[in-house]
Amino acid sequence: MSNTEPSNDPVRSRRQTISRINNAANRLGYLLWAIAMACFVTAFIIGFKGPLVNVVTACIIAGSILLAPSIIIGYAVKAAERDDLEHGR
């Protein structure tokens, strides 16, 4: 079997699209966690007020919803690429 370019192979093309979307979700998830940590430190310093606690909670929940599947999908895409390279596809 010959090694095909990702643009000619529909499976690799789709995998590349999924990888780009996954990377964006990963970045956004980590950004939400960073915002949550910054807000938590701020809340710790000025006192835990309602709105700041709500922002921390919302960012942690939204970040977790994005990160949990994103991390798993990232490993799956890398494993599929590695398998393709090992088997000369």
N, C-alpha and C. Protein backbone atom coordinates (compact mmCIF):
# COMPACT_ATOMS: atom_id res chain seq x y z
N MET A 1 0.84 -1.18 0.00
CA MET A 1 0.00 0.00 0.00
C MET A 1 0.88 1.24 0.00
N SER A 2 0.46 2.21 -0.74
CA SER A 2 1.24 3.44 -0.80
C SER A 2 0.77 4.40 0.28
N ASN A 3 1.67 5.26 0.65
CA ASN A 3 1.36 6.27 1.66
C ASN A 3 0.66 7.43 0.96
N THR A 4 -0.60 7.67 1.29
CA THR A 4 -1.37 8.72 0.63
C THR A 4 -1.32 10.01 1.42
N GLU A 5 -1.51 11.10 0.74
CA GLU A 5 -1.54 12.41 1.39
C GLU A 5 -2.84 12.53 2.18
N PRO A 6 -2.83 13.24 3.30
CA PRO A 6 -4.06 13.41 4.09
C PRO A 6 -5.17 14.07 3.29
N SER A 7 -4.83 14.94 2.35
CA SER A 7 -5.88 15.63 1.59
C SER A 7 -6.58 14.68 0.62
N ASN A 8 -5.90 13.58 0.21
CA ASN A 8 -6.50 12.62 -0.71
C ASN A 8 -7.24 11.50 0.02
N ASP A 9 -6.94 11.29 1.24
CA ASP A 9 -7.54 10.22 2.02
C ASP A 9 -8.70 10.79 2.84
N PRO A 10 -9.93 10.35 2.58
CA PRO A 10 -11.08 10.93 3.30
C PRO A 10 -11.05 10.64 4.81
N VAL A 11 -10.50 9.51 5.21
CA VAL A 11 -10.43 9.19 6.64
C VAL A 11 -9.46 10.12 7.34
N ARG A 12 -8.28 10.30 6.74
CA ARG A 12 -7.31 11.21 7.35
C ARG A 12 -7.78 12.66 7.31
N SER A 13 -8.48 13.02 6.26
CA SER A 13 -9.02 14.37 6.16
C SER A 13 -10.04 14.61 7.26
N ARG A 14 -10.91 13.66 7.48
CA ARG A 14 -11.91 13.77 8.54
C ARG A 14 -11.23 13.80 9.91
N ARG A 15 -10.22 12.97 10.07
CA ARG A 15 -9.47 12.93 11.33
C ARG A 15 -8.80 14.28 11.60
N GLN A 16 -8.28 14.90 10.55
CA GLN A 16 -7.65 16.21 10.69
C GLN A 16 -8.67 17.26 11.12
N THR A 17 -9.87 17.20 10.55
CA THR A 17 -10.94 18.13 10.92
C THR A 17 -11.32 17.94 12.39
N ILE A 18 -11.48 16.69 12.79
CA ILE A 18 -11.83 16.39 14.17
C ILE A 18 -10.72 16.88 15.11
N SER A 19 -9.48 16.71 14.70
CA SER A 19 -8.35 17.15 15.51
C SER A 19 -8.35 18.66 15.70
N ARG A 20 -8.65 19.41 14.64
CA ARG A 20 -8.70 20.87 14.76
C ARG A 20 -9.81 21.31 15.71
N ILE A 21 -10.99 20.73 15.57
CA ILE A 21 -12.11 21.06 16.45
C ILE A 21 -11.77 20.67 17.89
N ASN A 22 -11.16 19.51 18.04
CA ASN A 22 -10.78 19.03 19.36
C ASN A 22 -9.76 19.95 20.02
N ASN A 23 -8.78 20.43 19.25
CA ASN A 23 -7.78 21.34 19.81
C ASN A 23 -8.42 22.65 20.27
N ALA A 24 -9.39 23.14 19.51
CA ALA A 24 -10.09 24.37 19.92
C ALA A 24 -10.86 24.15 21.22
N ALA A 25 -11.54 23.00 21.33
CA ALA A 25 -12.28 22.68 22.55
C ALA A 25 -11.32 22.52 23.73
N ASN A 26 -10.17 21.92 23.47
CA ASN A 26 -9.17 21.74 24.52
C ASN A 26 -8.67 23.10 25.02
N ARG A 27 -8.34 23.99 24.12
CA ARG A 27 -7.86 25.32 24.51
C ARG A 27 -8.92 26.09 25.29
N LEU A 28 -10.16 26.02 24.81
CA LEU A 28 -11.24 26.73 25.49
C LEU A 28 -11.48 26.14 26.88
N GLY A 29 -11.43 24.83 27.00
CA GLY A 29 -11.61 24.18 28.31
C GLY A 29 -10.54 24.61 29.30
N TYR A 30 -9.28 24.61 28.86
CA TYR A 30 -8.21 25.04 29.76
C TYR A 30 -8.31 26.53 30.06
N LEU A 31 -8.76 27.34 29.10
CA LEU A 31 -8.96 28.76 29.36
C LEU A 31 -10.02 28.97 30.42
N LEU A 32 -11.11 28.22 30.34
CA LEU A 32 -12.16 28.33 31.35
C LEU A 32 -11.65 27.93 32.73
N TRP A 33 -10.81 26.90 32.80
CA TRP A 33 -10.22 26.51 34.08
C TRP A 33 -9.29 27.60 34.60
N ALA A 34 -8.54 28.24 33.72
CA ALA A 34 -7.65 29.34 34.14
C ALA A 34 -8.46 30.51 34.68
N ILE A 35 -9.56 30.83 34.01
CA ILE A 35 -10.45 31.90 34.49
C ILE A 35 -11.02 31.52 35.86
N ALA A 36 -11.42 30.27 36.00
CA ALA A 36 -11.96 29.82 37.29
C ALA A 36 -10.92 29.96 38.40
N MET A 37 -9.67 29.60 38.10
CA MET A 37 -8.62 29.72 39.13
C MET A 37 -8.36 31.19 39.48
N ALA A 38 -8.32 32.05 38.47
CA ALA A 38 -8.09 33.47 38.74
C ALA A 38 -9.23 34.06 39.56
N CYS A 39 -10.46 33.70 39.22
CA CYS A 39 -11.61 34.19 39.97
C CYS A 39 -11.61 33.63 41.40
N PHE A 40 -11.18 32.38 41.56
CA PHE A 40 -11.12 31.80 42.89
C PHE A 40 -10.11 32.54 43.76
N VAL A 41 -8.94 32.83 43.21
CA VAL A 41 -7.92 33.56 43.97
C VAL A 41 -8.45 34.94 44.33
N THR A 42 -9.10 35.60 43.36
CA THR A 42 -9.69 36.92 43.63
C THR A 42 -10.74 36.82 44.72
N ALA A 43 -11.60 35.81 44.63
CA ALA A 43 -12.64 35.63 45.64
C ALA A 43 -12.03 35.33 47.00
N PHE A 44 -10.95 34.59 47.03
CA PHE A 44 -10.28 34.29 48.29
C PHE A 44 -9.74 35.57 48.93
N ILE A 45 -9.22 36.46 48.10
CA ILE A 45 -8.63 37.70 48.61
C ILE A 45 -9.71 38.68 49.09
N ILE A 46 -10.76 38.87 48.29
CA ILE A 46 -11.77 39.89 48.63
C ILE A 46 -12.96 39.33 49.38
N GLY A 47 -13.03 38.05 49.52
CA GLY A 47 -14.17 37.45 50.19
C GLY A 47 -15.08 36.78 49.17
N PHE A 48 -15.61 35.67 49.54
CA PHE A 48 -16.42 34.88 48.61
C PHE A 48 -17.80 35.50 48.47
N LYS A 49 -17.95 36.33 47.44
CA LYS A 49 -19.23 36.96 47.13
C LYS A 49 -19.98 36.10 46.12
N GLY A 50 -21.29 36.21 46.09
CA GLY A 50 -22.13 35.39 45.23
C GLY A 50 -21.75 35.37 43.76
N PRO A 51 -21.64 36.52 43.09
CA PRO A 51 -21.36 36.50 41.64
C PRO A 51 -20.01 35.86 41.30
N LEU A 52 -19.01 36.12 42.09
CA LEU A 52 -17.69 35.56 41.80
C LEU A 52 -17.68 34.05 41.99
N VAL A 53 -18.37 33.59 43.00
CA VAL A 53 -18.48 32.15 43.22
C VAL A 53 -19.24 31.50 42.06
N ASN A 54 -20.27 32.18 41.56
CA ASN A 54 -21.02 31.65 40.41
C ASN A 54 -20.15 31.55 39.16
N VAL A 55 -19.28 32.53 38.95
CA VAL A 55 -18.37 32.49 37.80
C VAL A 55 -17.40 31.32 37.93
N VAL A 56 -16.85 31.14 39.12
CA VAL A 56 -15.94 30.02 39.35
C VAL A 56 -16.64 28.69 39.06
N THR A 57 -17.82 28.53 39.61
CA THR A 57 -18.58 27.29 39.42
C THR A 57 -18.91 27.06 37.96
N ALA A 58 -19.39 28.09 37.27
CA ALA A 58 -19.76 27.95 35.85
C ALA A 58 -18.55 27.62 34.99
N CYS A 59 -17.42 28.26 35.26
CA CYS A 59 -16.21 28.01 34.47
C CYS A 59 -15.68 26.59 34.70
N ILE A 60 -15.73 26.13 35.94
CA ILE A 60 -15.26 24.76 36.22
C ILE A 60 -16.16 23.74 35.52
N ILE A 61 -17.46 23.95 35.60
CA ILE A 61 -18.39 23.00 34.97
C ILE A 61 -18.23 23.01 33.45
N ALA A 62 -18.23 24.20 32.85
CA ALA A 62 -18.10 24.30 31.39
C ALA A 62 -16.74 23.77 30.92
N GLY A 63 -15.68 24.10 31.66
CA GLY A 63 -14.36 23.61 31.30
C GLY A 63 -14.27 22.10 31.37
N SER A 64 -14.88 21.53 32.38
CA SER A 64 -14.87 20.07 32.54
C SER A 64 -15.66 19.39 31.43
N ILE A 65 -16.79 19.98 31.07
CA ILE A 65 -17.61 19.42 29.98
C ILE A 65 -16.84 19.43 28.68
N LEU A 66 -16.03 20.44 28.44
CA LEU A 66 -15.22 20.51 27.23
C LEU A 66 -13.99 19.61 27.32
N LEU A 67 -13.33 19.61 28.46
CA LEU A 67 -12.05 18.91 28.57
C LEU A 67 -12.17 17.39 28.64
N ALA A 68 -13.15 16.87 29.32
CA ALA A 68 -13.24 15.41 29.49
C ALA A 68 -13.28 14.68 28.14
N PRO A 69 -14.20 14.99 27.26
CA PRO A 69 -14.18 14.29 25.97
C PRO A 69 -13.01 14.73 25.08
N SER A 70 -12.59 15.98 25.22
CA SER A 70 -11.50 16.49 24.39
C SER A 70 -10.20 15.73 24.64
N ILE A 71 -9.89 15.44 25.87
CA ILE A 71 -8.68 14.71 26.19
C ILE A 71 -8.74 13.29 25.63
N ILE A 72 -9.88 12.64 25.77
CA ILE A 72 -10.05 11.28 25.27
C ILE A 72 -9.96 11.25 23.74
N ILE A 73 -10.64 12.19 23.09
CA ILE A 73 -10.61 12.24 21.62
C ILE A 73 -9.20 12.54 21.13
N GLY A 74 -8.48 13.41 21.83
CA GLY A 74 -7.10 13.72 21.45
C GLY A 74 -6.22 12.47 21.47
N TYR A 75 -6.34 11.65 22.51
CA TYR A 75 -5.58 10.41 22.57
C TYR A 75 -6.00 9.46 21.45
N ALA A 76 -7.29 9.40 21.15
CA ALA A 76 -7.77 8.51 20.09
C ALA A 76 -7.22 8.92 18.72
N VAL A 77 -7.21 10.21 18.43
CA VAL A 77 -6.69 10.68 17.15
C VAL A 77 -5.20 10.37 17.04
N LYS A 78 -4.44 10.63 18.12
CA LYS A 78 -3.01 10.34 18.09
C LYS A 78 -2.75 8.84 17.91
N ALA A 79 -3.54 8.01 18.57
CA ALA A 79 -3.37 6.56 18.44
C ALA A 79 -3.70 6.09 17.03
N ALA A 80 -4.73 6.66 16.41
CA ALA A 80 -5.08 6.29 15.05
C ALA A 80 -3.99 6.70 14.07
N GLU A 81 -3.44 7.89 14.25
CA GLU A 81 -2.34 8.34 13.39
C GLU A 81 -1.12 7.45 13.56
N ARG A 82 -0.79 7.13 14.79
CA ARG A 82 0.36 6.26 15.07
C ARG A 82 0.15 4.89 14.45
N ASP A 83 -1.07 4.35 14.55
CA ASP A 83 -1.38 3.05 13.95
C ASP A 83 -1.24 3.09 12.43
N ASP A 84 -1.70 4.16 11.81
CA ASP A 84 -1.57 4.31 10.36
C ASP A 84 -0.10 4.33 9.95
N LEU A 85 0.72 5.06 10.70
CA LEU A 85 2.14 5.14 10.37
C LEU A 85 2.85 3.80 10.56
N GLU A 86 2.49 3.08 11.62
CA GLU A 86 3.12 1.78 11.88
C GLU A 86 2.76 0.74 10.82
N HIS A 87 1.56 0.84 10.28
CA HIS A 87 1.12 -0.14 9.29
C HIS A 87 1.25 0.37 7.85
N GLY A 88 1.91 1.49 7.68
CA GLY A 88 2.19 2.01 6.34
C GLY A 88 0.98 2.45 5.56
N ARG A 89 0.00 2.98 6.23
CA ARG A 89 -1.20 3.46 5.54
C ARG A 89 -1.13 4.92 5.29
